[in-house]
Every structure is written in C-alpha cells, then in structure tokens.
Amino acid sequence: MRQHFTQPRRTFRLPVQWFPDVSANRNIGNMDFAEFADAADGSGTFLGLDEC
C-alpha cells in the first residue's frame, strides 16, 4: 500500500539518530514511508519503533 501517493503532503520529522534505521529499511523495501509516518508521535516526530 502506498499511502504517501494518496497523501502527497504527509511528512514527519526525523531526528538524526534515527536516520540510519529509516534509510536502511526504506532501501531494502522492508518498510515504506507511510509506516514511518504512522509511527510518528503526536508532534509528527519519528522516535523509533517500539519493539515487542
């Protein structure tokens, strides 16, 4: 599902310490943009994924 195409102005902030995780997962196709945007907090900042 490519939600970012249906929501063209959707964004999230990414602190520098999380860039390697997001970049690697995007490059290998493990996660898409929408999954990271969905994981952003109420202020729109991605602060990592909660691991179970």
C-alpha atoms as a PDB file:
ATOM      1  CA  MET A   1       0.000   0.000   0.000  1.00  0.00           C
ATOM      2  CA  ARG A   2       1.493   3.333  -0.993  1.00  0.00           C
ATOM      3  CA  GLN A   3      -0.415   5.826   1.109  1.00  0.00           C
ATOM      4  CA  HIS A   4       2.118   8.581   0.508  1.00  0.00           C
ATOM      5  CA  PHE A   5       0.855   8.859  -3.080  1.00  0.00           C
ATOM      6  CA  THR A   6      -2.677   9.491  -1.842  1.00  0.00           C
ATOM      7  CA  GLN A   7      -1.409  11.870   0.852  1.00  0.00           C
ATOM      8  CA  PRO A   8       1.156  13.959  -1.063  1.00  0.00           C
ATOM      9  CA  ARG A   9       1.907  16.467   1.720  1.00  0.00           C
ATOM     10  CA  ARG A  10       2.294  13.955   4.509  1.00  0.00           C
ATOM     11  CA  THR A  11       5.543  14.464   6.414  1.00  0.00           C
ATOM     12  CA  PHE A  12       7.311  13.533   9.615  1.00  0.00           C
ATOM     13  CA  ARG A  13      10.388  14.868  11.385  1.00  0.00           C
ATOM     14  CA  LEU A  14      13.337  12.558  11.804  1.00  0.00           C
ATOM     15  CA  PRO A  15      15.996  13.121  14.474  1.00  0.00           C
ATOM     16  CA  VAL A  16      19.446  12.342  13.097  1.00  0.00           C
ATOM     17  CA  GLN A  17      19.968   9.273  15.324  1.00  0.00           C
ATOM     18  CA  TRP A  18      17.028   7.509  13.592  1.00  0.00           C
ATOM     19  CA  PHE A  19      18.142   8.258  10.022  1.00  0.00           C
ATOM     20  CA  PRO A  20      20.208   5.054   9.578  1.00  0.00           C
ATOM     21  CA  ASP A  21      17.245   2.875  10.629  1.00  0.00           C
ATOM     22  CA  VAL A  22      14.787   4.634   8.336  1.00  0.00           C
ATOM     23  CA  SER A  23      17.232   4.758   5.435  1.00  0.00           C
ATOM     24  CA  ALA A  24      18.149   1.076   5.671  1.00  0.00           C
ATOM     25  CA  ASN A  25      14.550  -0.101   5.957  1.00  0.00           C
ATOM     26  CA  ARG A  26      13.466   2.084   3.029  1.00  0.00           C
ATOM     27  CA  ASN A  27      16.397   0.949   0.846  1.00  0.00           C
ATOM     28  CA  ILE A  28      15.707  -2.753   1.299  1.00  0.00           C
ATOM     29  CA  GLY A  29      11.953  -2.291   0.979  1.00  0.00           C
ATOM     30  CA  ASN A  30      11.282  -3.575   4.473  1.00  0.00           C
ATOM     31  CA  MET A  31       9.074  -0.589   5.370  1.00  0.00           C
ATOM     32  CA  ASP A  32       7.500   2.192   3.363  1.00  0.00           C
ATOM     33  CA  PHE A  33       7.126   5.887   4.059  1.00  0.00           C
ATOM     34  CA  ALA A  34       3.599   5.536   5.431  1.00  0.00           C
ATOM     35  CA  GLU A  35       4.714   3.062   8.104  1.00  0.00           C
ATOM     36  CA  PHE A  36       7.286   5.523   9.443  1.00  0.00           C
ATOM     37  CA  ALA A  37       4.811   8.403   9.260  1.00  0.00           C
ATOM     38  CA  ASP A  38       2.244   6.286  11.123  1.00  0.00           C
ATOM     39  CA  ALA A  39       4.835   5.619  13.851  1.00  0.00           C
ATOM     40  CA  ALA A  40       5.462   9.341  14.424  1.00  0.00           C
ATOM     41  CA  ASP A  41       4.355  10.799  17.737  1.00  0.00           C
ATOM     42  CA  GLY A  42       1.689  13.475  18.215  1.00  0.00           C
ATOM     43  CA  SER A  43       4.120  16.227  17.217  1.00  0.00           C
ATOM     44  CA  GLY A  44       4.936  14.448  13.944  1.00  0.00           C
ATOM     45  CA  THR A  45       8.397  13.264  15.031  1.00  0.00           C
ATOM     46  CA  PHE A  46       9.579   9.724  14.439  1.00  0.00           C
ATOM     47  CA  LEU A  47      11.253   8.464  17.620  1.00  0.00           C
ATOM     48  CA  GLY A  48      11.937   4.881  16.688  1.00  0.00           C
ATOM     49  CA  LEU A  49       9.802   1.797  16.586  1.00  0.00           C
ATOM     50  CA  ASP A  50       8.616   0.086  19.741  1.00  0.00           C
ATOM     51  CA  GLU A  51       9.915  -3.454  19.631  1.00  0.00           C
ATOM     52  CA  CYS A  52       7.816  -6.153  21.261  1.00  0.00           C
END
